[in-house]
C-alpha atoms as a PDB file:
ATOM      1  CA  MET A   1      69.425 102.400 121.145  1.00  0.00           C
ATOM      2  CA  ALA A   2      70.313 103.192 117.451  1.00  0.00           C
ATOM      3  CA  ASP A   3      73.865 102.447 116.465  1.00  0.00           C
ATOM      4  CA  LYS A   4      75.522 105.248 115.858  1.00  0.00           C
ATOM      5  CA  ASP A   5      74.568 106.749 119.345  1.00  0.00           C
ATOM      6  CA  THR A   6      76.324 103.225 121.185  1.00  0.00           C
ATOM      7  CA  LEU A   7      79.342 104.207 119.075  1.00  0.00           C
ATOM      8  CA  TRP A   8      79.139 107.811 120.084  1.00  0.00           C
ATOM      9  CA  THR A   9      79.433 106.927 123.226  1.00  0.00           C
ATOM     10  CA  ASN A  10      82.649 104.534 123.091  1.00  0.00           C
ATOM     11  CA  VAL A  11      83.820 107.727 121.189  1.00  0.00           C
ATOM     12  CA  LYS A  12      83.865 109.650 124.024  1.00  0.00           C
ATOM     13  CA  ALA A  13      84.648 106.522 126.947  1.00  0.00           C
ATOM     14  CA  ALA A  14      87.148 106.250 124.523  1.00  0.00           C
ATOM     15  CA  TYR A  15      89.165 109.496 124.008  1.00  0.00           C
ATOM     16  CA  ALA A  16      90.147 112.632 125.948  1.00  0.00           C
ATOM     17  CA  THR A  17      87.347 115.249 126.014  1.00  0.00           C
ATOM     18  CA  ASP A  18      89.989 117.572 125.243  1.00  0.00           C
ATOM     19  CA  LEU A  19      90.007 116.489 121.749  1.00  0.00           C
ATOM     20  CA  LEU A  20      86.573 115.172 121.135  1.00  0.00           C
ATOM     21  CA  LEU A  21      85.464 119.551 122.324  1.00  0.00           C
ATOM     22  CA  PRO A  22      87.098 121.468 119.862  1.00  0.00           C
ATOM     23  CA  LEU A  23      86.437 118.372 116.696  1.00  0.00           C
ATOM     24  CA  THR A  24      82.726 119.008 117.823  1.00  0.00           C
ATOM     25  CA  ASN A  25      82.687 122.259 117.983  1.00  0.00           C
ATOM     26  CA  ILE A  26      85.176 123.625 115.125  1.00  0.00           C
ATOM     27  CA  HIS A  27      83.266 127.475 114.469  1.00  0.00           C
ATOM     28  CA  ASP A  28      83.239 127.939 118.723  1.00  0.00           C
ATOM     29  CA  ALA A  29      86.590 127.664 120.358  1.00  0.00           C
ATOM     30  CA  THR A  30      84.452 129.385 123.760  1.00  0.00           C
ATOM     31  CA  ALA A  31      82.465 126.221 124.093  1.00  0.00           C
ATOM     32  CA  ILE A  32      82.937 123.815 127.206  1.00  0.00           C
ATOM     33  CA  ALA A  33      80.614 121.100 126.524  1.00  0.00           C
ATOM     34  CA  ILE A  34      80.926 118.686 124.050  1.00  0.00           C
ATOM     35  CA  ASP A  35      78.037 118.322 121.054  1.00  0.00           C
ATOM     36  CA  ASP A  36      77.337 115.154 120.550  1.00  0.00           C
ATOM     37  CA  ALA A  37      74.299 115.623 117.679  1.00  0.00           C
ATOM     38  CA  VAL A  38      78.416 116.149 116.332  1.00  0.00           C
ATOM     39  CA  GLY A  39      79.534 113.514 116.701  1.00  0.00           C
ATOM     40  CA  THR A  40      75.883 111.424 116.407  1.00  0.00           C
ATOM     41  CA  ALA A  41      75.720 112.694 113.297  1.00  0.00           C
ATOM     42  CA  ALA A  42      80.473 111.847 112.634  1.00  0.00           C
ATOM     43  CA  ALA A  43      79.209 108.776 113.811  1.00  0.00           C
ATOM     44  CA  GLN A  44      76.527 108.151 111.439  1.00  0.00           C
ATOM     45  CA  GLN A  45      78.759 109.219 108.661  1.00  0.00           C
ATOM     46  CA  ALA A  46      81.806 106.466 109.684  1.00  0.00           C
ATOM     47  CA  ILE A  47      79.294 103.696 109.888  1.00  0.00           C
ATOM     48  CA  ASP A  48      77.581 104.867 106.198  1.00  0.00           C
ATOM     49  CA  TYR A  49      81.140 104.986 104.721  1.00  0.00           C
ATOM     50  CA  PHE A  50      82.096 101.472 106.751  1.00  0.00           C
ATOM     51  CA  VAL A  51      79.879  99.206 104.953  1.00  0.00           C
ATOM     52  CA  MET A  52      81.436 101.118 101.521  1.00  0.00           C
ATOM     53  CA  TYR A  53      84.804 100.754 102.326  1.00  0.00           C
ATOM     54  CA  ALA A  54      84.493  97.580 104.090  1.00  0.00           C
ATOM     55  CA  GLU A  55      81.850  96.013 101.948  1.00  0.00           C
ATOM     56  CA  THR A  56      79.781  93.991 104.945  1.00  0.00           C
ATOM     57  CA  THR A  57      77.632  96.019 107.341  1.00  0.00           C
ATOM     58  CA  PHE A  58      78.576  97.090 110.675  1.00  0.00           C
ATOM     59  CA  VAL A  59      78.507  95.870 113.404  1.00  0.00           C
ATOM     60  CA  ILE A  60      78.846  97.058 116.760  1.00  0.00           C
ATOM     61  CA  THR A  61      78.921  94.282 119.238  1.00  0.00           C
ATOM     62  CA  THR A  62      81.848  92.861 116.983  1.00  0.00           C
ATOM     63  CA  SER A  63      84.870  94.340 118.765  1.00  0.00           C
ATOM     64  CA  THR A  64      87.253  94.614 115.814  1.00  0.00           C
ATOM     65  CA  HIS A  65      84.184  96.997 113.824  1.00  0.00           C
ATOM     66  CA  ASN A  66      83.837  98.697 116.856  1.00  0.00           C
ATOM     67  CA  ALA A  67      87.602  99.790 117.204  1.00  0.00           C
ATOM     68  CA  VAL A  68      87.473 100.507 113.479  1.00  0.00           C
ATOM     69  CA  GLY A  69      84.640 102.637 113.816  1.00  0.00           C
ATOM     70  CA  ILE A  70      85.965 104.425 116.942  1.00  0.00           C
ATOM     71  CA  ARG A  71      89.304 105.777 114.816  1.00  0.00           C
ATOM     72  CA  ALA A  72      86.321 105.793 111.412  1.00  0.00           C
ATOM     73  CA  THR A  73      84.270 109.036 113.385  1.00  0.00           C
ATOM     74  CA  ILE A  74      87.336 110.494 114.813  1.00  0.00           C
ATOM     75  CA  ALA A  75      88.626 110.227 110.786  1.00  0.00           C
ATOM     76  CA  VAL A  76      85.050 112.404 110.059  1.00  0.00           C
ATOM     77  CA  LEU A  77      85.149 114.514 113.019  1.00  0.00           C
ATOM     78  CA  LEU A  78      89.522 116.002 111.422  1.00  0.00           C
ATOM     79  CA  GLU A  79      88.239 115.955 108.180  1.00  0.00           C
ATOM     80  CA  ARG A  80      85.563 117.908 109.427  1.00  0.00           C
ATOM     81  CA  GLY A  81      87.813 120.867 110.566  1.00  0.00           C
ATOM     82  CA  GLY A  82      88.421 121.809 113.678  1.00  0.00           C
ATOM     83  CA  VAL A  83      92.817 120.362 112.394  1.00  0.00           C
ATOM     84  CA  SER A  84      95.138 121.310 110.972  1.00  0.00           C
ATOM     85  CA  SER A  85      94.532 119.953 107.317  1.00  0.00           C
ATOM     86  CA  ALA A  86      97.197 116.795 106.631  1.00  0.00           C
ATOM     87  CA  LEU A  87      97.073 115.714 109.602  1.00  0.00           C
ATOM     88  CA  ALA A  88      93.244 115.201 108.692  1.00  0.00           C
ATOM     89  CA  ARG A  89      94.826 113.467 105.270  1.00  0.00           C
ATOM     90  CA  GLU A  90      96.674 111.559 107.893  1.00  0.00           C
ATOM     91  CA  GLU A  91      94.171 110.403 110.164  1.00  0.00           C
ATOM     92  CA  TRP A  92      91.985 109.395 107.083  1.00  0.00           C
ATOM     93  CA  ASP A  93      94.574 108.120 105.230  1.00  0.00           C
ATOM     94  CA  GLU A  94      94.919 105.047 108.268  1.00  0.00           C
ATOM     95  CA  VAL A  95      91.796 104.125 108.444  1.00  0.00           C
ATOM     96  CA  PHE A  96      89.745 104.939 104.839  1.00  0.00           C
ATOM     97  CA  GLY A  97      93.310 104.287 102.717  1.00  0.00           C
ATOM     98  CA  ASP A  98      93.929 101.062 100.592  1.00  0.00           C
ATOM     99  CA  THR A  99      95.973 100.481 103.090  1.00  0.00           C
ATOM    100  CA  GLY A 100      93.727 101.069 105.765  1.00  0.00           C
ATOM    101  CA  LEU A 101      92.317  99.741 108.434  1.00  0.00           C
ATOM    102  CA  LEU A 102      88.539  99.456 106.669  1.00  0.00           C
ATOM    103  CA  SER A 103      91.080  97.178 103.974  1.00  0.00           C
ATOM    104  CA  LYS A 104      91.964  94.928 106.941  1.00  0.00           C
ATOM    105  CA  VAL A 105      87.943  94.448 107.280  1.00  0.00           C
ATOM    106  CA  LYS A 106      87.277  93.186 104.427  1.00  0.00           C
ATOM    107  CA  LYS A 107      90.237  91.341 103.862  1.00  0.00           C
ATOM    108  CA  THR A 108      89.389  89.528 106.401  1.00  0.00           C
ATOM    109  CA  GLY A 109      85.663  89.029 105.966  1.00  0.00           C
ATOM    110  CA  ALA A 110      83.759  86.524 102.930  1.00  0.00           C
ATOM    111  CA  ARG A 111      84.656  88.916  99.714  1.00  0.00           C
ATOM    112  CA  GLY A 112      88.080  89.552 101.140  1.00  0.00           C
ATOM    113  CA  ARG A 113      90.816  87.997  98.529  1.00  0.00           C
ATOM    114  CA  GLN A 114      94.258  88.312  98.559  1.00  0.00           C
ATOM    115  CA  ALA A 115      96.133  89.950  95.989  1.00  0.00           C
ATOM    116  CA  PHE A 116      98.009  87.794  93.181  1.00  0.00           C
ATOM    117  CA  THR A 117     102.049  87.822  94.295  1.00  0.00           C
ATOM    118  CA  THR A 118     104.888  85.446  93.363  1.00  0.00           C
ATOM    119  CA  ASN A 119     108.552  84.570  93.539  1.00  0.00           C
ATOM    120  CA  SER A 120     109.332  84.444  90.203  1.00  0.00           C
ATOM    121  CA  ASN A 121     112.382  87.304  88.753  1.00  0.00           C
ATOM    122  CA  MET A 122     110.242  87.075  85.349  1.00  0.00           C
ATOM    123  CA  THR A 123     108.727  90.517  84.623  1.00  0.00           C
ATOM    124  CA  GLN A 124     105.977  90.564  81.093  1.00  0.00           C
ATOM    125  CA  ALA A 125     107.870  91.930  77.306  1.00  0.00           C
ATOM    126  CA  SER A 126     106.443  94.842  76.655  1.00  0.00           C
ATOM    127  CA  GLY A 127     103.837  95.385  74.122  1.00  0.00           C
ATOM    128  CA  LEU A 128     105.402  97.587  71.756  1.00  0.00           C
ATOM    129  CA  THR A 129     108.565  96.369  69.778  1.00  0.00           C
ATOM    130  CA  SER A 130     111.827  98.619  69.595  1.00  0.00           C
ATOM    131  CA  SER A 131     110.929 101.474  68.043  1.00  0.00           C
ATOM    132  CA  GLY A 132     107.047 101.848  69.621  1.00  0.00           C
ATOM    133  CA  LYS A 133     105.399  99.977  67.461  1.00  0.00           C
ATOM    134  CA  ARG A 134     102.713  97.493  67.808  1.00  0.00           C
ATOM    135  CA  ARG A 135     103.921  93.947  68.372  1.00  0.00           C
ATOM    136  CA  LYS A 136     102.127  91.351  66.104  1.00  0.00           C
ATOM    137  CA  PRO A 137     100.646  87.993  67.757  1.00  0.00           C
ATOM    138  CA  TRP A 138     103.020  85.067  67.548  1.00  0.00           C
ATOM    139  CA  GLY A 139     100.246  83.240  65.371  1.00  0.00           C
ATOM    140  CA  ASP A 140     100.683  86.840  62.474  1.00  0.00           C
ATOM    141  CA  VAL A 141     102.236  85.319  58.829  1.00  0.00           C
ATOM    142  CA  GLU A 142     103.845  88.554  58.595  1.00  0.00           C
ATOM    143  CA  SER A 143     105.904  88.579  61.689  1.00  0.00           C
ATOM    144  CA  LEU A 144     107.489  85.223  60.666  1.00  0.00           C
ATOM    145  CA  PRO A 145     110.888  85.090  59.109  1.00  0.00           C
ATOM    146  CA  VAL A 146     110.765  85.049  54.882  1.00  0.00           C
ATOM    147  CA  ASN A 147     110.010  82.295  53.764  1.00  0.00           C
ATOM    148  CA  TYR A 148     109.553  80.294  56.708  1.00  0.00           C
ATOM    149  CA  MET A 149     105.923  79.358  54.900  1.00  0.00           C
ATOM    150  CA  PRO A 150     104.363  77.686  51.457  1.00  0.00           C
ATOM    151  CA  ARG A 151     103.346  80.252  50.472  1.00  0.00           C
ATOM    152  CA  SER A 152     100.593  80.020  47.548  1.00  0.00           C
ATOM    153  CA  SER A 153     100.213  79.804  43.888  1.00  0.00           C
ATOM    154  CA  GLU A 154      98.360  80.315  41.161  1.00  0.00           C
ATOM    155  CA  ALA A 155      96.838  77.339  38.826  1.00  0.00           C
END
């Protein structure tokens, strides 16, 4: 069984039929069965996005990957239609956003890196003067006080 089929089976086990029915049959309000072809395609898309957003290969046997994959599949189905766009965007951000579930999976991997933080109260000075001109570097002779550096004289 392919990962997409296993993931879709896990989605069906985790979510009620009443939720999945309209998400997999967005053009047929009278449908009485879940469209497994649509669900499997959404699961495959979630797996493809997993690689892109988490920067790791999707492994169905890893519980974290499976849990996030289930939510990602629902986010893909919501994004395709069947619900309000605000709800779809919210679910999408919870999974795929900068602070979403996939970013947390990314941080747990070998390539995960913590963002730089500091407890210093100092802030970096602007590179512009009060008049909006660019500051000159500290070693620029023109930026030193008058007569600070000896002048060269002609012989």
